[in-house]
Amino acid sequence: MDERDHRDGVRLSPLERAALAEIEEGLRHDHVDPEPPPAPARRPWLAVSVVLMVLCSVFLAVVGFRTSEPAILWCFAVLWPLTVIQSVRLVRRWMRHWLRPGGRITSWF
């Protein structure tokens, strides 16, 4: 190899040519895996938590309305919105999985 690189006419010093040859050798041995590693398995914690929250909410609602105990009614009032929020997250995850895998359901959801 002479002082000029034949591809683009750039002059390289012997040290630069050695560094470039080392980089190119490393790139030749580099390879890309054709498939990405598998995604980690989803754990059913959201579904389990929604089921438990629904059961607790129903229990608190029944007991609170039958006894008219303010503390139980307040516990229901705090737990119910959290249950609804978690339920919406679960339904959204299921819809994304079953309707359009890998995409959004709509632009706003």
PDB file of N, CA and C in Angstrom:
ATOM      1  N   MET A   1       0.855  -1.174   0.000  1.00  0.00           N
ATOM      2  CA  MET A   1       0.000   0.000   0.000  1.00  0.00           C
ATOM      3  C   MET A   1       0.898   1.233   0.000  1.00  0.00           C
ATOM      4  N   ASP A   2       0.675   2.105  -0.917  1.00  0.00           N
ATOM      5  CA  ASP A   2       1.505   3.285  -0.979  1.00  0.00           C
ATOM      6  C   ASP A   2       0.973   4.372  -0.061  1.00  0.00           C
ATOM      7  N   GLU A   3       1.552   5.555  -0.183  1.00  0.00           N
ATOM      8  CA  GLU A   3       1.228   6.660   0.693  1.00  0.00           C
ATOM      9  C   GLU A   3      -0.210   7.155   0.494  1.00  0.00           C
ATOM     10  N   ARG A   4      -0.786   6.912  -0.688  1.00  0.00           N
ATOM     11  CA  ARG A   4      -2.139   7.375  -0.974  1.00  0.00           C
ATOM     12  C   ARG A   4      -3.118   6.211  -0.897  1.00  0.00           C
ATOM     13  N   ASP A   5      -4.265   6.457  -0.341  1.00  0.00           N
ATOM     14  CA  ASP A   5      -5.333   5.466  -0.324  1.00  0.00           C
ATOM     15  C   ASP A   5      -6.008   5.531  -1.689  1.00  0.00           C
ATOM     16  N   HIS A   6      -6.223   4.396  -2.321  1.00  0.00           N
ATOM     17  CA  HIS A   6      -6.740   4.378  -3.694  1.00  0.00           C
ATOM     18  C   HIS A   6      -8.218   4.739  -3.782  1.00  0.00           C
ATOM     19  N   ARG A   7      -8.953   4.646  -2.699  1.00  0.00           N
ATOM     20  CA  ARG A   7     -10.395   4.884  -2.783  1.00  0.00           C
ATOM     21  C   ARG A   7     -10.758   6.357  -2.854  1.00  0.00           C
ATOM     22  N   ASP A   8     -10.174   7.178  -1.989  1.00  0.00           N
ATOM     23  CA  ASP A   8     -10.599   8.577  -1.996  1.00  0.00           C
ATOM     24  C   ASP A   8      -9.441   9.568  -2.058  1.00  0.00           C
ATOM     25  N   GLY A   9      -8.239   9.079  -2.288  1.00  0.00           N
ATOM     26  CA  GLY A   9      -7.115   9.967  -2.479  1.00  0.00           C
ATOM     27  C   GLY A   9      -6.595  10.632  -1.218  1.00  0.00           C
ATOM     28  N   VAL A  10      -6.877  10.098  -0.046  1.00  0.00           N
ATOM     29  CA  VAL A  10      -6.425  10.692   1.210  1.00  0.00           C
ATOM     30  C   VAL A  10      -5.085  10.078   1.594  1.00  0.00           C
ATOM     31  N   ARG A  11      -4.149  10.915   1.999  1.00  0.00           N
ATOM     32  CA  ARG A  11      -2.845  10.414   2.437  1.00  0.00           C
ATOM     33  C   ARG A  11      -2.918  10.018   3.909  1.00  0.00           C
ATOM     34  N   LEU A  12      -2.413   8.835   4.201  1.00  0.00           N
ATOM     35  CA  LEU A  12      -2.375   8.345   5.576  1.00  0.00           C
ATOM     36  C   LEU A  12      -0.949   8.029   5.969  1.00  0.00           C
ATOM     37  N   SER A  13      -0.630   8.358   7.197  1.00  0.00           N
ATOM     38  CA  SER A  13       0.694   8.005   7.702  1.00  0.00           C
ATOM     39  C   SER A  13       0.712   6.510   8.008  1.00  0.00           C
ATOM     40  N   PRO A  14       1.881   5.912   8.155  1.00  0.00           N
ATOM     41  CA  PRO A  14       1.941   4.483   8.480  1.00  0.00           C
ATOM     42  C   PRO A  14       1.211   4.140   9.778  1.00  0.00           C
ATOM     43  N   LEU A  15       1.262   5.023  10.748  1.00  0.00           N
ATOM     44  CA  LEU A  15       0.554   4.789  12.015  1.00  0.00           C
ATOM     45  C   LEU A  15      -0.962   4.805  11.805  1.00  0.00           C
ATOM     46  N   GLU A  16      -1.424   5.753  10.983  1.00  0.00           N
ATOM     47  CA  GLU A  16      -2.858   5.828  10.695  1.00  0.00           C
ATOM     48  C   GLU A  16      -3.328   4.622   9.892  1.00  0.00           C
ATOM     49  N   ARG A  17      -2.487   4.179   8.929  1.00  0.00           N
ATOM     50  CA  ARG A  17      -2.852   2.981   8.158  1.00  0.00           C
ATOM     51  C   ARG A  17      -2.938   1.753   9.046  1.00  0.00           C
ATOM     52  N   ALA A  18      -2.022   1.628  10.005  1.00  0.00           N
ATOM     53  CA  ALA A  18      -2.053   0.483  10.923  1.00  0.00           C
ATOM     54  C   ALA A  18      -3.310   0.525  11.788  1.00  0.00           C
ATOM     55  N   ALA A  19      -3.659   1.723  12.286  1.00  0.00           N
ATOM     56  CA  ALA A  19      -4.868   1.855  13.104  1.00  0.00           C
ATOM     57  C   ALA A  19      -6.112   1.540  12.280  1.00  0.00           C
ATOM     58  N   LEU A  20      -6.143   2.027  11.037  1.00  0.00           N
ATOM     59  CA  LEU A  20      -7.277   1.759  10.164  1.00  0.00           C
ATOM     60  C   LEU A  20      -7.392   0.271   9.849  1.00  0.00           C
ATOM     61  N   ALA A  21      -6.271  -0.380   9.593  1.00  0.00           N
ATOM     62  CA  ALA A  21      -6.294  -1.815   9.309  1.00  0.00           C
ATOM     63  C   ALA A  21      -6.806  -2.595  10.520  1.00  0.00           C
ATOM     64  N   GLU A  22      -6.412  -2.158  11.718  1.00  0.00           N
ATOM     65  CA  GLU A  22      -6.887  -2.823  12.942  1.00  0.00           C
ATOM     66  C   GLU A  22      -8.395  -2.652  13.117  1.00  0.00           C
ATOM     67  N   ILE A  23      -8.889  -1.458  12.850  1.00  0.00           N
ATOM     68  CA  ILE A  23     -10.338  -1.209  12.957  1.00  0.00           C
ATOM     69  C   ILE A  23     -11.098  -2.028  11.932  1.00  0.00           C
ATOM     70  N   GLU A  24     -10.606  -2.057  10.687  1.00  0.00           N
ATOM     71  CA  GLU A  24     -11.287  -2.830   9.648  1.00  0.00           C
ATOM     72  C   GLU A  24     -11.282  -4.319   9.964  1.00  0.00           C
ATOM     73  N   GLU A  25     -10.192  -4.811  10.526  1.00  0.00           N
ATOM     74  CA  GLU A  25     -10.131  -6.225  10.906  1.00  0.00           C
ATOM     75  C   GLU A  25     -11.159  -6.536  11.989  1.00  0.00           C
ATOM     76  N   GLY A  26     -11.273  -5.637  12.939  1.00  0.00           N
ATOM     77  CA  GLY A  26     -12.279  -5.820  13.989  1.00  0.00           C
ATOM     78  C   GLY A  26     -13.692  -5.804  13.443  1.00  0.00           C
ATOM     79  N   LEU A  27     -13.941  -4.937  12.462  1.00  0.00           N
ATOM     80  CA  LEU A  27     -15.269  -4.859  11.860  1.00  0.00           C
ATOM     81  C   LEU A  27     -15.579  -6.097  11.021  1.00  0.00           C
ATOM     82  N   ARG A  28     -14.563  -6.690  10.396  1.00  0.00           N
ATOM     83  CA  ARG A  28     -14.804  -7.911   9.615  1.00  0.00           C
ATOM     84  C   ARG A  28     -15.257  -9.053  10.507  1.00  0.00           C
ATOM     85  N   HIS A  29     -14.731  -9.094  11.714  1.00  0.00           N
ATOM     86  CA  HIS A  29     -15.088 -10.176  12.639  1.00  0.00           C
ATOM     87  C   HIS A  29     -16.364  -9.875  13.409  1.00  0.00           C
ATOM     88  N   ASP A  30     -16.824  -8.654  13.310  1.00  0.00           N
ATOM     89  CA  ASP A  30     -18.066  -8.274  13.982  1.00  0.00           C
ATOM     90  C   ASP A  30     -19.239  -8.823  13.198  1.00  0.00           C
ATOM     91  N   HIS A  31     -20.228  -9.338  13.889  1.00  0.00           N
ATOM     92  CA  HIS A  31     -21.431  -9.810  13.202  1.00  0.00           C
ATOM     93  C   HIS A  31     -22.654  -9.415  14.014  1.00  0.00           C
ATOM     94  N   VAL A  32     -23.751  -9.282  13.316  1.00  0.00           N
ATOM     95  CA  VAL A  32     -25.008  -8.894  13.940  1.00  0.00           C
ATOM     96  C   VAL A  32     -25.900 -10.120  14.013  1.00  0.00           C
ATOM     97  N   ASP A  33     -26.493 -10.335  15.182  1.00  0.00           N
ATOM     98  CA  ASP A  33     -27.428 -11.448  15.322  1.00  0.00           C
ATOM     99  C   ASP A  33     -28.663 -11.177  14.472  1.00  0.00           C
ATOM    100  N   PRO A  34     -29.145 -12.168  13.712  1.00  0.00           N
ATOM    101  CA  PRO A  34     -30.312 -11.935  12.866  1.00  0.00           C
ATOM    102  C   PRO A  34     -31.590 -11.722  13.671  1.00  0.00           C
ATOM    103  N   GLU A  35     -31.682 -12.294  14.858  1.00  0.00           N
ATOM    104  CA  GLU A  35     -32.885 -12.145  15.671  1.00  0.00           C
ATOM    105  C   GLU A  35     -32.508 -11.512  16.998  1.00  0.00           C
ATOM    106  N   PRO A  36     -33.325 -10.570  17.463  1.00  0.00           N
ATOM    107  CA  PRO A  36     -33.050 -10.002  18.783  1.00  0.00           C
ATOM    108  C   PRO A  36     -33.344 -11.047  19.863  1.00  0.00           C
ATOM    109  N   PRO A  37     -32.774 -10.876  21.038  1.00  0.00           N
ATOM    110  CA  PRO A  37     -33.049 -11.841  22.099  1.00  0.00           C
ATOM    111  C   PRO A  37     -34.531 -11.820  22.456  1.00  0.00           C
ATOM    112  N   PRO A  38     -35.071 -12.934  22.912  1.00  0.00           N
ATOM    113  CA  PRO A  38     -36.495 -12.963  23.237  1.00  0.00           C
ATOM    114  C   PRO A  38     -36.827 -12.012  24.386  1.00  0.00           C
ATOM    115  N   ALA A  39     -38.002 -11.435  24.303  1.00  0.00           N
ATOM    116  CA  ALA A  39     -38.448 -10.517  25.345  1.00  0.00           C
ATOM    117  C   ALA A  39     -38.718 -11.304  26.622  1.00  0.00           C
ATOM    118  N   PRO A  40     -38.456 -10.700  27.765  1.00  0.00           N
ATOM    119  CA  PRO A  40     -38.731 -11.414  29.014  1.00  0.00           C
ATOM    120  C   PRO A  40     -40.222 -11.695  29.158  1.00  0.00           C
ATOM    121  N   ALA A  41     -40.523 -12.814  29.769  1.00  0.00           N
ATOM    122  CA  ALA A  41     -41.926 -13.205  29.940  1.00  0.00           C
ATOM    123  C   ALA A  41     -42.629 -12.219  30.858  1.00  0.00           C
ATOM    124  N   ARG A  42     -43.840 -11.878  30.498  1.00  0.00           N
ATOM    125  CA  ARG A  42     -44.622 -10.968  31.331  1.00  0.00           C
ATOM    126  C   ARG A  42     -45.169 -11.718  32.524  1.00  0.00           C
ATOM    127  N   ARG A  43     -45.075 -11.062  33.618  1.00  0.00           N
ATOM    128  CA  ARG A  43     -45.623 -11.661  34.824  1.00  0.00           C
ATOM    129  C   ARG A  43     -47.055 -11.183  34.993  1.00  0.00           C
ATOM    130  N   PRO A  44     -47.898 -12.012  35.538  1.00  0.00           N
ATOM    131  CA  PRO A  44     -49.322 -11.664  35.634  1.00  0.00           C
ATOM    132  C   PRO A  44     -49.663 -10.803  36.847  1.00  0.00           C
ATOM    133  N   TRP A  45     -48.711  -9.977  37.326  1.00  0.00           N
ATOM    134  CA  TRP A  45     -48.977  -9.214  38.546  1.00  0.00           C
ATOM    135  C   TRP A  45     -50.103  -8.212  38.366  1.00  0.00           C
ATOM    136  N   LEU A  46     -50.222  -7.611  37.229  1.00  0.00           N
ATOM    137  CA  LEU A  46     -51.281  -6.628  37.027  1.00  0.00           C
ATOM    138  C   LEU A  46     -52.647  -7.297  37.072  1.00  0.00           C
ATOM    139  N   ALA A  47     -52.785  -8.427  36.419  1.00  0.00           N
ATOM    140  CA  ALA A  47     -54.066  -9.135  36.423  1.00  0.00           C
ATOM    141  C   ALA A  47     -54.418  -9.611  37.831  1.00  0.00           C
ATOM    142  N   VAL A  48     -53.427 -10.127  38.536  1.00  0.00           N
ATOM    143  CA  VAL A  48     -53.678 -10.605  39.906  1.00  0.00           C
ATOM    144  C   VAL A  48     -54.070  -9.441  40.807  1.00  0.00           C
ATOM    145  N   SER A  49     -53.380  -8.312  40.672  1.00  0.00           N
ATOM    146  CA  SER A  49     -53.709  -7.162  41.518  1.00  0.00           C
ATOM    147  C   SER A  49     -55.101  -6.614  41.208  1.00  0.00           C
ATOM    148  N   VAL A  50     -55.488  -6.626  39.937  1.00  0.00           N
ATOM    149  CA  VAL A  50     -56.831  -6.145  39.582  1.00  0.00           C
ATOM    150  C   VAL A  50     -57.899  -7.055  40.182  1.00  0.00           C
ATOM    151  N   VAL A  51     -57.695  -8.354  40.097  1.00  0.00           N
ATOM    152  CA  VAL A  51     -58.673  -9.291  40.666  1.00  0.00           C
ATOM    153  C   VAL A  51     -58.793  -9.082  42.176  1.00  0.00           C
ATOM    154  N   LEU A  52     -57.662  -8.958  42.864  1.00  0.00           N
ATOM    155  CA  LEU A  52     -57.700  -8.748  44.312  1.00  0.00           C
ATOM    156  C   LEU A  52     -58.346  -7.413  44.670  1.00  0.00           C
ATOM    157  N   MET A  53     -58.037  -6.375  43.897  1.00  0.00           N
ATOM    158  CA  MET A  53     -58.637  -5.068  44.179  1.00  0.00           C
ATOM    159  C   MET A  53     -60.139  -5.063  43.931  1.00  0.00           C
ATOM    160  N   VAL A  54     -60.593  -5.772  42.905  1.00  0.00           N
ATOM    161  CA  VAL A  54     -62.037  -5.861  42.647  1.00  0.00           C
ATOM    162  C   VAL A  54     -62.721  -6.607  43.787  1.00  0.00           C
ATOM    163  N   LEU A  55     -62.118  -7.705  44.225  1.00  0.00           N
ATOM    164  CA  LEU A  55     -62.706  -8.451  45.341  1.00  0.00           C
ATOM    165  C   LEU A  55     -62.768  -7.610  46.606  1.00  0.00           C
ATOM    166  N   CYS A  56     -61.704  -6.908  46.921  1.00  0.00           N
ATOM    167  CA  CYS A  56     -61.694  -6.048  48.107  1.00  0.00           C
ATOM    168  C   CYS A  56     -62.705  -4.910  47.968  1.00  0.00           C
ATOM    169  N   SER A  57     -62.805  -4.337  46.781  1.00  0.00           N
ATOM    170  CA  SER A  57     -63.758  -3.242  46.563  1.00  0.00           C
ATOM    171  C   SER A  57     -65.195  -3.720  46.742  1.00  0.00           C
ATOM    172  N   VAL A  58     -65.511  -4.880  46.191  1.00  0.00           N
ATOM    173  CA  VAL A  58     -66.869  -5.414  46.339  1.00  0.00           C
ATOM    174  C   VAL A  58     -67.156  -5.707  47.803  1.00  0.00           C
ATOM    175  N   PHE A  59     -66.194  -6.307  48.494  1.00  0.00           N
ATOM    176  CA  PHE A  59     -66.372  -6.604  49.911  1.00  0.00           C
ATOM    177  C   PHE A  59     -66.597  -5.329  50.716  1.00  0.00           C
ATOM    178  N   LEU A  60     -65.760  -4.313  50.491  1.00  0.00           N
ATOM    179  CA  LEU A  60     -65.904  -3.052  51.218  1.00  0.00           C
ATOM    180  C   LEU A  60     -67.216  -2.358  50.877  1.00  0.00           C
ATOM    181  N   ALA A  61     -67.638  -2.430  49.618  1.00  0.00           N
ATOM    182  CA  ALA A  61     -68.900  -1.799  49.237  1.00  0.00           C
ATOM    183  C   ALA A  61     -70.070  -2.466  49.937  1.00  0.00           C
ATOM    184  N   VAL A  62     -70.103  -3.802  49.933  1.00  0.00           N
ATOM    185  CA  VAL A  62     -71.219  -4.517  50.567  1.00  0.00           C
ATOM    186  C   VAL A  62     -71.242  -4.261  52.065  1.00  0.00           C
ATOM    187  N   VAL A  63     -70.095  -4.427  52.704  1.00  0.00           N
ATOM    188  CA  VAL A  63     -70.045  -4.240  54.159  1.00  0.00           C
ATOM    189  C   VAL A  63     -70.296  -2.774  54.513  1.00  0.00           C
ATOM    190  N   GLY A  64     -69.734  -1.855  53.753  1.00  0.00           N
ATOM    191  CA  GLY A  64     -69.925  -0.437  54.040  1.00  0.00           C
ATOM    192  C   GLY A  64     -71.359   0.007  53.877  1.00  0.00           C
ATOM    193  N   PHE A  65     -72.037  -0.448  52.861  1.00  0.00           N
ATOM    194  CA  PHE A  65     -73.429  -0.049  52.651  1.00  0.00           C
ATOM    195  C   PHE A  65     -74.368  -0.719  53.640  1.00  0.00           C
ATOM    196  N   ARG A  66     -74.035  -1.918  54.054  1.00  0.00           N
ATOM    197  CA  ARG A  66     -74.899  -2.612  55.034  1.00  0.00           C
ATOM    198  C   ARG A  66     -74.748  -2.033  56.430  1.00  0.00           C
ATOM    199  N   THR A  67     -73.526  -1.656  56.805  1.00  0.00           N
ATOM    200  CA  THR A  67     -73.295  -1.161  58.165  1.00  0.00           C
ATOM    201  C   THR A  67     -73.299   0.354  58.248  1.00  0.00           C
ATOM    202  N   SER A  68     -73.137   1.046  57.156  1.00  0.00           N
ATOM    203  CA  SER A  68     -73.026   2.510  57.105  1.00  0.00           C
ATOM    204  C   SER A  68     -71.890   3.026  57.985  1.00  0.00           C
ATOM    205  N   GLU A  69     -70.845   2.249  58.099  1.00  0.00           N
ATOM    206  CA  GLU A  69     -69.663   2.644  58.875  1.00  0.00           C
ATOM    207  C   GLU A  69     -68.819   3.591  58.013  1.00  0.00           C
ATOM    208  N   PRO A  70     -68.567   4.820  58.483  1.00  0.00           N
ATOM    209  CA  PRO A  70     -67.830   5.790  57.667  1.00  0.00           C
ATOM    210  C   PRO A  70     -66.412   5.333  57.297  1.00  0.00           C
ATOM    211  N   ALA A  71     -65.720   4.672  58.190  1.00  0.00           N
ATOM    212  CA  ALA A  71     -64.346   4.255  57.900  1.00  0.00           C
ATOM    213  C   ALA A  71     -64.321   3.255  56.746  1.00  0.00           C
ATOM    214  N   ILE A  72     -65.253   2.333  56.723  1.00  0.00           N
ATOM    215  CA  ILE A  72     -65.307   1.342  55.648  1.00  0.00           C
ATOM    216  C   ILE A  72     -65.696   2.005  54.331  1.00  0.00           C
ATOM    217  N   LEU A  73     -66.627   2.931  54.386  1.00  0.00           N
ATOM    218  CA  LEU A  73     -67.027   3.642  53.174  1.00  0.00           C
ATOM    219  C   LEU A  73     -65.876   4.484  52.622  1.00  0.00           C
ATOM    220  N   TRP A  74     -65.086   5.095  53.505  1.00  0.00           N
ATOM    221  CA  TRP A  74     -63.927   5.852  53.047  1.00  0.00           C
ATOM    222  C   TRP A  74     -62.856   4.932  52.443  1.00  0.00           C
ATOM    223  N   CYS A  75     -62.679   3.761  53.019  1.00  0.00           N
ATOM    224  CA  CYS A  75     -61.737   2.797  52.431  1.00  0.00           C
ATOM    225  C   CYS A  75     -62.194   2.410  51.027  1.00  0.00           C
ATOM    226  N   PHE A  76     -63.492   2.183  50.869  1.00  0.00           N
ATOM    227  CA  PHE A  76     -64.022   1.881  49.539  1.00  0.00           C
ATOM    228  C   PHE A  76     -63.811   3.062  48.589  1.00  0.00           C
ATOM    229  N   ALA A  77     -64.050   4.281  49.092  1.00  0.00           N
ATOM    230  CA  ALA A  77     -63.910   5.481  48.258  1.00  0.00           C
ATOM    231  C   ALA A  77     -62.457   5.665  47.792  1.00  0.00           C
ATOM    232  N   VAL A  78     -61.503   5.243  48.589  1.00  0.00           N
ATOM    233  CA  VAL A  78     -60.101   5.350  48.189  1.00  0.00           C
ATOM    234  C   VAL A  78     -59.714   4.214  47.252  1.00  0.00           C
ATOM    235  N   LEU A  79     -60.198   3.008  47.525  1.00  0.00           N
ATOM    236  CA  LEU A  79     -59.788   1.841  46.751  1.00  0.00           C
ATOM    237  C   LEU A  79     -60.455   1.781  45.373  1.00  0.00           C
ATOM    238  N   TRP A  80     -61.683   2.234  45.253  1.00  0.00           N
ATOM    239  CA  TRP A  80     -62.406   2.078  43.999  1.00  0.00           C
ATOM    240  C   TRP A  80     -61.750   2.802  42.814  1.00  0.00           C
ATOM    241  N   PRO A  81     -61.338   4.062  42.934  1.00  0.00           N
ATOM    242  CA  PRO A  81     -60.679   4.706  41.781  1.00  0.00           C
ATOM    243  C   PRO A  81     -59.371   4.012  41.389  1.00  0.00           C
ATOM    244  N   LEU A  82     -58.622   3.534  42.382  1.00  0.00           N
ATOM    245  CA  LEU A  82     -57.395   2.797  42.074  1.00  0.00           C
ATOM    246  C   LEU A  82     -57.708   1.512  41.317  1.00  0.00           C
ATOM    247  N   THR A  83     -58.798   0.861  41.700  1.00  0.00           N
ATOM    248  CA  THR A  83     -59.211  -0.361  41.009  1.00  0.00           C
ATOM    249  C   THR A  83     -59.587  -0.067  39.561  1.00  0.00           C
ATOM    250  N   VAL A  84     -60.298   1.014  39.349  1.00  0.00           N
ATOM    251  CA  VAL A  84     -60.700   1.384  37.990  1.00  0.00           C
ATOM    252  C   VAL A  84     -59.476   1.719  37.138  1.00  0.00           C
ATOM    253  N   ILE A  85     -58.531   2.448  37.697  1.00  0.00           N
ATOM    254  CA  ILE A  85     -57.322   2.810  36.951  1.00  0.00           C
ATOM    255  C   ILE A  85     -56.539   1.556  36.570  1.00  0.00           C
ATOM    256  N   GLN A  86     -56.351   0.642  37.505  1.00  0.00           N
ATOM    257  CA  GLN A  86     -55.621  -0.583  37.209  1.00  0.00           C
ATOM    258  C   GLN A  86     -56.384  -1.444  36.201  1.00  0.00           C
ATOM    259  N   SER A  87     -57.693  -1.449  36.280  1.00  0.00           N
ATOM    260  CA  SER A  87     -58.496  -2.211  35.321  1.00  0.00           C
ATOM    261  C   SER A  87     -58.346  -1.653  33.911  1.00  0.00           C
ATOM    262  N   VAL A  88     -58.323  -0.343  33.794  1.00  0.00           N
ATOM    263  CA  VAL A  88     -58.131   0.284  32.482  1.00  0.00           C
ATOM    264  C   VAL A  88     -56.749  -0.075  31.932  1.00  0.00           C
ATOM    265  N   ARG A  89     -55.726  -0.063  32.776  1.00  0.00           N
ATOM    266  CA  ARG A  89     -54.386  -0.453  32.327  1.00  0.00           C
ATOM    267  C   ARG A  89     -54.372  -1.902  31.836  1.00  0.00           C
ATOM    268  N   LEU A  90     -55.079  -2.784  32.562  1.00  0.00           N
ATOM    269  CA  LEU A  90     -55.116  -4.190  32.175  1.00  0.00           C
ATOM    270  C   LEU A  90     -55.851  -4.377  30.850  1.00  0.00           C
ATOM    271  N   VAL A  91     -56.986  -3.725  30.689  1.00  0.00           N
ATOM    272  CA  VAL A  91     -57.742  -3.838  29.437  1.00  0.00           C
ATOM    273  C   VAL A  91     -56.935  -3.273  28.282  1.00  0.00           C
ATOM    274  N   ARG A  92     -56.245  -2.164  28.524  1.00  0.00           N
ATOM    275  CA  ARG A  92     -55.411  -1.567  27.483  1.00  0.00           C
ATOM    276  C   ARG A  92     -54.303  -2.528  27.056  1.00  0.00           C
ATOM    277  N   ARG A  93     -53.673  -3.183  28.025  1.00  0.00           N
ATOM    278  CA  ARG A  93     -52.612  -4.146  27.705  1.00  0.00           C
ATOM    279  C   ARG A  93     -53.176  -5.308  26.909  1.00  0.00           C
ATOM    280  N   TRP A  94     -54.332  -5.821  27.316  1.00  0.00           N
ATOM    281  CA  TRP A  94     -54.939  -6.945  26.585  1.00  0.00           C
ATOM    282  C   TRP A  94     -55.316  -6.532  25.162  1.00  0.00           C
ATOM    283  N   MET A  95     -55.884  -5.334  25.015  1.00  0.00           N
ATOM    284  CA  MET A  95     -56.281  -4.883  23.680  1.00  0.00           C
ATOM    285  C   MET A  95     -55.058  -4.715  22.783  1.00  0.00           C
ATOM    286  N   ARG A  96     -53.990  -4.164  23.334  1.00  0.00           N
ATOM    287  CA  ARG A  96     -52.769  -3.988  22.550  1.00  0.00           C
ATOM    288  C   ARG A  96     -52.213  -5.345  22.137  1.00  0.00           C
ATOM    289  N   HIS A  97     -52.295  -6.315  23.011  1.00  0.00           N
ATOM    290  CA  HIS A  97     -51.757  -7.639  22.711  1.00  0.00           C
ATOM    291  C   HIS A  97     -52.614  -8.381  21.694  1.00  0.00           C
ATOM    292  N   TRP A  98     -53.919  -8.326  21.836  1.00  0.00           N
ATOM    293  CA  TRP A  98     -54.801  -9.138  20.991  1.00  0.00           C
ATOM    294  C   TRP A  98     -55.209  -8.453  19.695  1.00  0.00           C
ATOM    295  N   LEU A  99     -55.357  -7.134  19.698  1.00  0.00           N
ATOM    296  CA  LEU A  99     -55.838  -6.466  18.484  1.00  0.00           C
ATOM    297  C   LEU A  99     -54.718  -6.110  17.518  1.00  0.00           C
ATOM    298  N   ARG A 100     -53.734  -5.395  18.001  1.00  0.00           N
ATOM    299  CA  ARG A 100     -52.636  -4.967  17.140  1.00  0.00           C
ATOM    300  C   ARG A 100     -51.321  -5.145  17.868  1.00  0.00           C
ATOM    301  N   PRO A 101     -50.733  -6.313  17.787  1.00  0.00           N
ATOM    302  CA  PRO A 101     -49.459  -6.498  18.494  1.00  0.00           C
ATOM    303  C   PRO A 101     -48.389  -5.549  17.969  1.00  0.00           C
ATOM    304  N   GLY A 102     -47.696  -4.923  18.891  1.00  0.00           N
ATOM    305  CA  GLY A 102     -46.615  -4.030  18.521  1.00  0.00           C
ATOM    306  C   GLY A 102     -47.039  -2.626  18.172  1.00  0.00           C
ATOM    307  N   GLY A 103     -48.306  -2.286  18.317  1.00  0.00           N
ATOM    308  CA  GLY A 103     -48.738  -0.944  17.954  1.00  0.00           C
ATOM    309  C   GLY A 103     -49.719  -0.376  18.947  1.00  0.00           C
ATOM    310  N   ARG A 104     -50.062   0.874  18.706  1.00  0.00           N
ATOM    311  CA  ARG A 104     -51.052   1.523  19.560  1.00  0.00           C
ATOM    312  C   ARG A 104     -52.439   1.235  19.020  1.00  0.00           C
ATOM    313  N   ILE A 105     -53.407   1.242  19.895  1.00  0.00           N
ATOM    314  CA  ILE A 105     -54.778   0.944  19.482  1.00  0.00           C
ATOM    315  C   ILE A 105     -55.333   2.131  18.703  1.00  0.00           C
ATOM    316  N   THR A 106     -55.270   3.296  19.277  1.00  0.00           N
ATOM    317  CA  THR A 106     -55.650   4.526  18.590  1.00  0.00           C
ATOM    318  C   THR A 106     -54.603   5.580  18.934  1.00  0.00           C
ATOM    319  N   SER A 107     -54.744   6.749  18.376  1.00  0.00           N
ATOM    320  CA  SER A 107     -53.763   7.789  18.648  1.00  0.00           C
ATOM    321  C   SER A 107     -53.869   8.315  20.079  1.00  0.00           C
ATOM    322  N   TRP A 108     -55.001   8.170  20.721  1.00  0.00           N
ATOM    323  CA  TRP A 108     -55.178   8.725  22.057  1.00  0.00           C
ATOM    324  C   TRP A 108     -55.180   7.672  23.136  1.00  0.00           C
ATOM    325  N   PHE A 109     -55.076   6.384  22.812  1.00  0.00           N
ATOM    326  CA  PHE A 109     -55.171   5.336  23.837  1.00  0.00           C
ATOM    327  C   PHE A 109     -53.941   4.493  23.812  1.00  0.00           C
TER     328      PHE A 109
END
